[in-house]
Protein backbone atom coordinates (compact mmCIF):
# COMPACT_ATOMS: atom_id res chain seq x y z
CA UNK A 1 91.42 53.43 -94.33
CA UNK A 2 94.89 52.38 -93.24
CA UNK A 3 95.54 48.92 -92.48
CA UNK A 4 98.17 49.74 -89.75
CA UNK A 5 95.72 51.46 -87.28
CA UNK A 6 95.27 48.32 -85.14
CA UNK A 7 97.56 45.59 -83.71
CA UNK A 8 97.04 42.36 -81.87
CA UNK A 9 98.62 42.05 -78.44
CA UNK A 10 98.76 39.16 -76.00
CA UNK A 11 96.77 40.12 -72.81
CA UNK A 12 97.04 37.09 -70.40
CA UNK A 13 96.25 33.43 -70.26
CA UNK A 14 92.50 34.04 -69.47
CA UNK A 15 91.82 36.65 -72.14
CA UNK A 16 94.39 35.58 -74.75
CA UNK A 17 94.79 38.09 -77.62
CA UNK A 18 93.15 41.39 -77.90
CA UNK A 19 92.99 44.15 -80.59
CA UNK A 20 94.34 47.48 -79.77
CA UNK A 21 94.36 50.68 -81.59
CA UNK A 22 97.68 52.50 -82.55
CA UNK A 23 95.95 55.89 -82.37
CA UNK A 24 94.82 58.14 -79.67
CA UNK A 25 91.15 59.05 -79.65
CA UNK A 26 89.39 62.14 -78.35
CA UNK A 27 86.13 61.95 -76.43
CA UNK A 28 83.16 61.22 -78.66
CA UNK A 29 85.32 60.20 -81.53
CA UNK A 30 83.58 57.32 -83.62
CA UNK A 31 85.96 54.60 -83.87
CA UNK A 32 83.83 51.97 -85.62
CA UNK A 33 80.46 51.81 -87.28
CA UNK A 34 78.68 49.04 -89.15
CA UNK A 35 75.21 48.35 -90.46
CA UNK A 36 73.45 45.27 -89.39
CA UNK A 37 73.01 42.64 -92.02
CA UNK A 38 69.30 42.39 -91.06
CA UNK A 39 66.82 43.65 -88.53
CA UNK A 40 63.13 43.69 -87.93
CA UNK A 41 60.93 45.60 -85.58
CA UNK A 42 59.26 43.38 -82.91
CA UNK A 43 55.73 42.54 -83.93
CA UNK A 44 54.19 43.76 -80.76
CA UNK A 45 56.00 47.13 -81.01
CA UNK A 46 55.03 47.67 -84.81
CA UNK A 47 51.58 48.99 -83.67
CA UNK A 48 52.98 51.20 -80.91
CA UNK A 49 55.88 52.92 -82.73
CA UNK A 50 55.85 54.17 -86.34
CA UNK A 51 59.41 53.34 -87.81
CA UNK A 52 60.98 52.90 -91.12
CA UNK A 53 60.61 49.22 -92.18
CA UNK A 54 64.21 49.18 -93.43
CA UNK A 55 66.35 51.27 -90.95
CA UNK A 56 63.99 51.43 -88.10
CA UNK A 57 64.18 55.26 -87.63
CA UNK A 58 61.21 56.84 -86.11
CA UNK A 59 58.79 58.26 -88.73
CA UNK A 60 57.37 61.75 -88.24
CA UNK A 61 57.61 63.95 -85.12
CA UNK A 62 57.26 63.29 -81.41
CA UNK A 63 53.79 64.61 -81.75
CA UNK A 64 53.15 62.12 -84.52
CA UNK A 65 54.28 59.20 -82.38
CA UNK A 66 52.24 60.39 -79.34
CA UNK A 67 49.18 60.96 -81.49
CA UNK A 68 49.51 57.47 -82.85
CA UNK A 69 49.77 55.94 -79.41
CA UNK A 70 46.67 57.87 -78.35
CA UNK A 71 44.92 56.52 -81.38
CA UNK A 72 45.59 53.06 -79.86
CA UNK A 73 44.28 53.98 -76.38
CA UNK A 74 41.28 55.30 -74.64
CA UNK A 75 43.22 58.46 -73.77
CA UNK A 76 42.24 59.79 -77.25
CA UNK A 77 38.79 59.92 -76.12
CA UNK A 78 39.47 62.61 -73.55
CA UNK A 79 40.57 64.97 -76.32
CA UNK A 80 43.23 66.51 -74.10
CA UNK A 81 46.38 67.77 -75.62
CA UNK A 82 49.71 67.13 -73.73
CA UNK A 83 52.23 69.83 -73.87
CA UNK A 84 55.21 68.54 -75.63
CA UNK A 85 58.75 69.81 -75.76
CA UNK A 86 59.97 71.83 -78.72
CA UNK A 87 61.27 69.43 -81.35
CA UNK A 88 63.26 69.40 -84.44
CA UNK A 89 61.03 69.16 -87.51
CA UNK A 90 61.09 65.75 -89.08
CA UNK A 91 58.26 66.33 -91.50
CA UNK A 92 59.84 64.49 -94.38
CA UNK A 93 57.42 62.67 -96.63
CA UNK A 94 56.79 59.04 -95.75
CA UNK A 95 57.43 56.47 -98.58
CA UNK A 96 55.02 53.59 -98.92
CA UNK A 97 56.11 50.16 -100.35
CA UNK A 98 55.95 50.19 -104.13
CA UNK A 99 54.01 47.03 -103.86
CA UNK A 100 51.45 48.69 -101.66
CA UNK A 101 51.73 46.10 -98.80
CA UNK A 102 51.65 48.68 -95.99
CA UNK A 103 55.25 48.83 -95.15
CA UNK A 104 56.58 52.48 -94.79
CA UNK A 105 59.98 54.01 -95.14
CA UNK A 106 61.78 57.18 -94.22
CA UNK A 107 63.26 57.83 -97.51
CA UNK A 108 63.24 56.78 -101.14
CA UNK A 109 66.61 55.27 -100.48
CA UNK A 110 65.39 52.96 -97.72
CA UNK A 111 62.39 52.00 -99.78
CA UNK A 112 64.34 51.08 -102.86
CA UNK A 113 67.11 49.46 -100.80
CA UNK A 114 64.68 47.33 -98.83
CA UNK A 115 62.79 46.25 -102.09
CA UNK A 116 65.92 45.26 -104.12
CA UNK A 117 67.69 43.74 -101.10
CA UNK A 118 64.89 41.36 -99.66
CA UNK A 119 61.41 42.87 -99.64
CA UNK A 120 60.59 42.11 -103.29
CA UNK A 121 60.42 38.46 -102.36
CA UNK A 122 58.25 38.97 -99.17
CA UNK A 123 55.84 41.85 -100.31
CA UNK A 124 52.21 40.80 -100.01
CA UNK A 125 50.80 43.98 -101.48
CA UNK A 126 50.10 42.58 -104.99
CA UNK A 127 48.73 39.31 -103.57
CA UNK A 128 44.95 39.17 -104.24
CA UNK A 129 44.08 36.14 -102.01
CA UNK A 130 44.52 35.70 -98.31
CA UNK A 131 44.86 32.05 -99.31
CA UNK A 132 48.15 32.74 -101.06
CA UNK A 133 51.15 30.71 -99.31
CA UNK A 134 53.09 33.91 -98.65
CA UNK A 135 50.21 35.67 -97.08
CA UNK A 136 49.46 32.60 -94.98
CA UNK A 137 53.09 32.30 -93.94
CA UNK A 138 53.31 35.96 -92.69
CA UNK A 139 50.07 35.48 -90.92
CA UNK A 140 51.36 32.33 -89.19
CA UNK A 141 54.66 33.94 -88.20
CA UNK A 142 52.98 36.98 -86.72
CA UNK A 143 50.63 34.71 -84.69
CA UNK A 144 53.25 32.23 -83.50
CA UNK A 145 56.74 33.59 -83.70
CA UNK A 146 58.32 36.56 -85.50
CA UNK A 147 61.52 34.65 -85.70
CA UNK A 148 59.96 33.00 -88.84
CA UNK A 149 59.93 36.65 -90.45
CA UNK A 150 63.62 37.23 -89.49
CA UNK A 151 64.50 33.97 -91.06
CA UNK A 152 62.44 34.81 -94.24
CA UNK A 153 64.20 38.02 -94.39
CA UNK A 154 67.64 36.37 -94.15
CA UNK A 155 66.82 33.79 -96.81
CA UNK A 156 65.50 36.59 -99.02
CA UNK A 157 68.52 38.56 -98.59
CA UNK A 158 70.65 35.62 -99.58
CA UNK A 159 68.55 34.84 -102.69
CA UNK A 160 68.48 38.58 -103.73
CA UNK A 161 72.31 38.79 -103.29
CA UNK A 162 72.73 35.48 -105.30
CA UNK A 163 70.41 36.74 -108.20
CA UNK A 164 71.62 40.17 -108.43
CA UNK A 165 75.26 40.41 -106.81
């Protein structure tokens, strides 16, 4: 992209300098996108919403999401079907973690990206004992504070980037 598309201008004493575009934009033009360095789904929400463990996109259809919620509640026992709006098909196959830890992904790309970027250091799928330190750490983090999982993801990303730049 061109380097001369923005300029810095002084606004006033309170706000200081600001960045301004040199181009005019139309309504709904995308002017900036970025991917977050890391993200995690809130632990309490993981049971309620089926999402990709890497990009956090919803997995399946609206019906899949509602059925999943009903599985968690007594409403399922009524066996009533709710009328749902027409939906776009999102029946893409789900991709499970290659280490079989239970993480799920929306695509092969998300699965392989997650594994190579950080998950290979945090995957508990091949651990056979619940006494393993990584398993114990994850259990503790889920019970006490998910910020530990976010920190572990951050550190794992740094290590993976350092090992395989």
